[in-house]
């Protein structure tokens, strides 16, 4: 599998409600996740200069831990 996940995988991953979302509930977590990810993608692309290369990394790929995790 490539580093890029399919849109469906992203939606399924995001459809699990965060604690603050679970408090108020959601009638359709899948639709909510799709809307959140679509909005995020639009905002991410809007603030990018045309010649900018976006790197997609996780936090463990961007920093060197100074202490062992708890």
C-alpha atoms as a PDB file:
ATOM      1  CA  UNK A   1       0.000   0.000   0.000  1.00  0.00           C
ATOM      2  CA  UNK A   2       1.286   3.467  -0.821  1.00  0.00           C
ATOM      3  CA  UNK A   3       1.719   6.353   1.600  1.00  0.00           C
ATOM      4  CA  UNK A   4      -1.401   7.971   0.143  1.00  0.00           C
ATOM      5  CA  UNK A   5      -4.494   6.419   1.648  1.00  0.00           C
ATOM      6  CA  UNK A   6      -7.696   6.210  -0.328  1.00  0.00           C
ATOM      7  CA  UNK A   7     -10.402   8.734   0.434  1.00  0.00           C
ATOM      8  CA  UNK A   8     -12.590   5.951   1.849  1.00  0.00           C
ATOM      9  CA  UNK A   9      -9.814   4.852   4.228  1.00  0.00           C
ATOM     10  CA  UNK A  10      -9.372   8.450   5.392  1.00  0.00           C
ATOM     11  CA  UNK A  11     -13.121   8.857   5.991  1.00  0.00           C
ATOM     12  CA  UNK A  12     -13.378   5.572   7.883  1.00  0.00           C
ATOM     13  CA  UNK A  13     -10.410   6.528  10.042  1.00  0.00           C
ATOM     14  CA  UNK A  14     -11.856   9.989  10.821  1.00  0.00           C
ATOM     15  CA  UNK A  15     -15.423   8.706  11.347  1.00  0.00           C
ATOM     16  CA  UNK A  16     -14.523   7.558  14.861  1.00  0.00           C
ATOM     17  CA  UNK A  17     -15.786  10.437  16.973  1.00  0.00           C
ATOM     18  CA  UNK A  18     -13.349  12.403  19.081  1.00  0.00           C
ATOM     19  CA  UNK A  19     -14.271  12.640  22.786  1.00  0.00           C
ATOM     20  CA  UNK A  20     -15.658  16.161  22.408  1.00  0.00           C
ATOM     21  CA  UNK A  21     -17.680  15.071  19.366  1.00  0.00           C
ATOM     22  CA  UNK A  22     -19.028  12.014  21.163  1.00  0.00           C
ATOM     23  CA  UNK A  23     -20.438  14.259  23.912  1.00  0.00           C
ATOM     24  CA  UNK A  24     -22.812  15.931  21.451  1.00  0.00           C
ATOM     25  CA  UNK A  25     -23.107  12.911  19.152  1.00  0.00           C
ATOM     26  CA  UNK A  26     -23.413  12.684  15.408  1.00  0.00           C
ATOM     27  CA  UNK A  27     -26.316  11.505  13.269  1.00  0.00           C
ATOM     28  CA  UNK A  28     -23.944  10.472  10.471  1.00  0.00           C
ATOM     29  CA  UNK A  29     -20.274  10.129  11.470  1.00  0.00           C
ATOM     30  CA  UNK A  30     -19.278   9.073   7.928  1.00  0.00           C
ATOM     31  CA  UNK A  31     -20.771  12.214   6.344  1.00  0.00           C
ATOM     32  CA  UNK A  32     -19.295  14.357   9.110  1.00  0.00           C
ATOM     33  CA  UNK A  33     -15.837  12.835   8.538  1.00  0.00           C
ATOM     34  CA  UNK A  34     -16.125  13.360   4.766  1.00  0.00           C
ATOM     35  CA  UNK A  35     -17.058  17.027   5.262  1.00  0.00           C
ATOM     36  CA  UNK A  36     -14.212  17.619   7.735  1.00  0.00           C
ATOM     37  CA  UNK A  37     -11.607  16.024   5.460  1.00  0.00           C
ATOM     38  CA  UNK A  38     -12.891  17.846   2.362  1.00  0.00           C
ATOM     39  CA  UNK A  39     -12.691  21.174   4.193  1.00  0.00           C
ATOM     40  CA  UNK A  40      -9.209  20.336   5.446  1.00  0.00           C
ATOM     41  CA  UNK A  41      -8.018  19.462   1.936  1.00  0.00           C
ATOM     42  CA  UNK A  42      -9.404  22.714   0.527  1.00  0.00           C
ATOM     43  CA  UNK A  43      -7.744  24.830   3.235  1.00  0.00           C
ATOM     44  CA  UNK A  44      -4.455  22.970   2.852  1.00  0.00           C
ATOM     45  CA  UNK A  45      -4.337  23.603  -0.900  1.00  0.00           C
ATOM     46  CA  UNK A  46      -5.550  27.212  -0.698  1.00  0.00           C
ATOM     47  CA  UNK A  47      -2.573  28.396   1.359  1.00  0.00           C
ATOM     48  CA  UNK A  48       0.050  26.679  -0.774  1.00  0.00           C
ATOM     49  CA  UNK A  49       2.148  28.577  -3.287  1.00  0.00           C
ATOM     50  CA  UNK A  50       2.018  27.027  -6.768  1.00  0.00           C
ATOM     51  CA  UNK A  51       5.661  25.911  -6.641  1.00  0.00           C
ATOM     52  CA  UNK A  52       5.500  24.542  -3.086  1.00  0.00           C
ATOM     53  CA  UNK A  53       6.076  20.846  -2.479  1.00  0.00           C
ATOM     54  CA  UNK A  54       3.880  19.535   0.335  1.00  0.00           C
ATOM     55  CA  UNK A  55       5.434  16.778   2.393  1.00  0.00           C
ATOM     56  CA  UNK A  56       3.180  14.436   4.268  1.00  0.00           C
ATOM     57  CA  UNK A  57       4.911  13.061   7.331  1.00  0.00           C
ATOM     58  CA  UNK A  58       3.836  11.841  10.718  1.00  0.00           C
ATOM     59  CA  UNK A  59       5.189  13.424  13.884  1.00  0.00           C
ATOM     60  CA  UNK A  60       7.553  10.520  14.521  1.00  0.00           C
ATOM     61  CA  UNK A  61       9.149  11.194  11.117  1.00  0.00           C
ATOM     62  CA  UNK A  62       9.777  14.885  11.798  1.00  0.00           C
ATOM     63  CA  UNK A  63      11.447  15.008  15.210  1.00  0.00           C
ATOM     64  CA  UNK A  64      14.120  13.137  17.073  1.00  0.00           C
ATOM     65  CA  UNK A  65      12.858  12.241  20.544  1.00  0.00           C
ATOM     66  CA  UNK A  66      15.057  13.679  23.269  1.00  0.00           C
ATOM     67  CA  UNK A  67      13.604  11.343  25.894  1.00  0.00           C
ATOM     68  CA  UNK A  68      12.205   7.836  25.735  1.00  0.00           C
ATOM     69  CA  UNK A  69       8.384   7.759  25.723  1.00  0.00           C
ATOM     70  CA  UNK A  70       6.604   7.073  29.008  1.00  0.00           C
END
